[in-house]
C-alpha atoms as a PDB file:
ATOM      1  CA  UNK A   1       0.009   0.153  -0.016  1.00  0.00           C
ATOM      2  CA  UNK A   2       1.433   3.534  -1.057  1.00  0.00           C
ATOM      3  CA  UNK A   3       1.352   6.459   1.573  1.00  0.00           C
ATOM      4  CA  UNK A   4      -1.476   8.224  -0.493  1.00  0.00           C
ATOM      5  CA  UNK A   5      -3.793   5.374  -0.051  1.00  0.00           C
ATOM      6  CA  UNK A   6      -3.084   5.060   3.658  1.00  0.00           C
ATOM      7  CA  UNK A   7      -3.653   8.590   4.075  1.00  0.00           C
ATOM      8  CA  UNK A   8      -6.961   8.652   2.138  1.00  0.00           C
ATOM      9  CA  UNK A   9      -8.318   5.657   4.149  1.00  0.00           C
ATOM     10  CA  UNK A  10      -7.303   7.408   7.528  1.00  0.00           C
ATOM     11  CA  UNK A  11      -8.794  10.767   6.584  1.00  0.00           C
ATOM     12  CA  UNK A  12     -12.070   9.136   5.504  1.00  0.00           C
ATOM     13  CA  UNK A  13     -12.105   6.931   8.870  1.00  0.00           C
ATOM     14  CA  UNK A  14     -11.816  10.117  10.803  1.00  0.00           C
ATOM     15  CA  UNK A  15     -14.528  12.120   8.867  1.00  0.00           C
ATOM     16  CA  UNK A  16     -17.099   9.467   8.161  1.00  0.00           C
ATOM     17  CA  UNK A  17     -20.533   9.138   9.561  1.00  0.00           C
ATOM     18  CA  UNK A  18     -21.456   5.829  11.189  1.00  0.00           C
ATOM     19  CA  UNK A  19     -23.487   4.475   8.260  1.00  0.00           C
ATOM     20  CA  UNK A  20     -20.493   4.618   5.887  1.00  0.00           C
ATOM     21  CA  UNK A  21     -18.222   1.484   5.606  1.00  0.00           C
ATOM     22  CA  UNK A  22     -14.637   1.180   4.475  1.00  0.00           C
ATOM     23  CA  UNK A  23     -13.824  -2.104   2.516  1.00  0.00           C
ATOM     24  CA  UNK A  24     -10.152  -2.662   1.936  1.00  0.00           C
ATOM     25  CA  UNK A  25      -9.448  -4.704  -1.408  1.00  0.00           C
ATOM     26  CA  UNK A  26      -6.154  -6.454  -1.340  1.00  0.00           C
ATOM     27  CA  UNK A  27      -4.660  -8.162  -4.635  1.00  0.00           C
ATOM     28  CA  UNK A  28      -1.292  -8.783  -3.120  1.00  0.00           C
ATOM     29  CA  UNK A  29      -1.430 -11.512  -0.571  1.00  0.00           C
ATOM     30  CA  UNK A  30       2.134 -11.676   0.757  1.00  0.00           C
ATOM     31  CA  UNK A  31       2.378 -11.384   4.365  1.00  0.00           C
ATOM     32  CA  UNK A  32       2.213  -7.646   5.209  1.00  0.00           C
ATOM     33  CA  UNK A  33       1.248  -7.238   8.828  1.00  0.00           C
ATOM     34  CA  UNK A  34       2.779  -7.708  12.161  1.00  0.00           C
ATOM     35  CA  UNK A  35       0.428 -10.442  13.330  1.00  0.00           C
ATOM     36  CA  UNK A  36       0.290 -14.136  11.876  1.00  0.00           C
ATOM     37  CA  UNK A  37      -2.163 -14.143   9.129  1.00  0.00           C
ATOM     38  CA  UNK A  38      -2.231 -10.407   8.583  1.00  0.00           C
ATOM     39  CA  UNK A  39      -2.566  -9.332   4.764  1.00  0.00           C
ATOM     40  CA  UNK A  40      -2.316  -5.473   5.215  1.00  0.00           C
ATOM     41  CA  UNK A  41      -0.569  -3.405   7.876  1.00  0.00           C
ATOM     42  CA  UNK A  42      -2.343  -3.107  11.417  1.00  0.00           C
ATOM     43  CA  UNK A  43      -3.219   0.586  10.990  1.00  0.00           C
ATOM     44  CA  UNK A  44      -5.366  -0.177   7.705  1.00  0.00           C
ATOM     45  CA  UNK A  45      -6.788  -3.416   8.978  1.00  0.00           C
ATOM     46  CA  UNK A  46      -8.057  -1.365  12.091  1.00  0.00           C
ATOM     47  CA  UNK A  47      -9.349   1.216   9.841  1.00  0.00           C
ATOM     48  CA  UNK A  48     -11.382  -0.857   7.556  1.00  0.00           C
ATOM     49  CA  UNK A  49     -14.641  -2.572   8.471  1.00  0.00           C
ATOM     50  CA  UNK A  50     -13.850  -5.384   6.193  1.00  0.00           C
ATOM     51  CA  UNK A  51     -10.932  -6.630   4.032  1.00  0.00           C
ATOM     52  CA  UNK A  52     -11.711  -8.229   0.545  1.00  0.00           C
ATOM     53  CA  UNK A  53      -9.612 -10.233  -1.886  1.00  0.00           C
ATOM     54  CA  UNK A  54      -9.978 -12.584  -4.730  1.00  0.00           C
ATOM     55  CA  UNK A  55     -11.842 -15.138  -2.448  1.00  0.00           C
ATOM     56  CA  UNK A  56     -14.150 -12.505  -1.187  1.00  0.00           C
ATOM     57  CA  UNK A  57     -14.764 -10.323   1.849  1.00  0.00           C
ATOM     58  CA  UNK A  58     -12.918 -11.907   4.877  1.00  0.00           C
ATOM     59  CA  UNK A  59     -13.031 -15.296   2.945  1.00  0.00           C
ATOM     60  CA  UNK A  60     -16.686 -15.283   2.045  1.00  0.00           C
ATOM     61  CA  UNK A  61     -16.991 -15.421  -1.744  1.00  0.00           C
ATOM     62  CA  UNK A  62     -18.203 -12.124  -3.430  1.00  0.00           C
END
């Protein structure tokens, strides 16, 4: 994830209203976080309501 994308997610997270959701879409599934099984860094994982990939959202098919 580049710095600009991280900033945009953080800005929206701070400014959003409760009914708005943030869904992260990951296409590079190399290990990227500090914890076991993480696919994005902790700041992004904590800011997104869901993380989606090629297999769907949080493992559920799209």
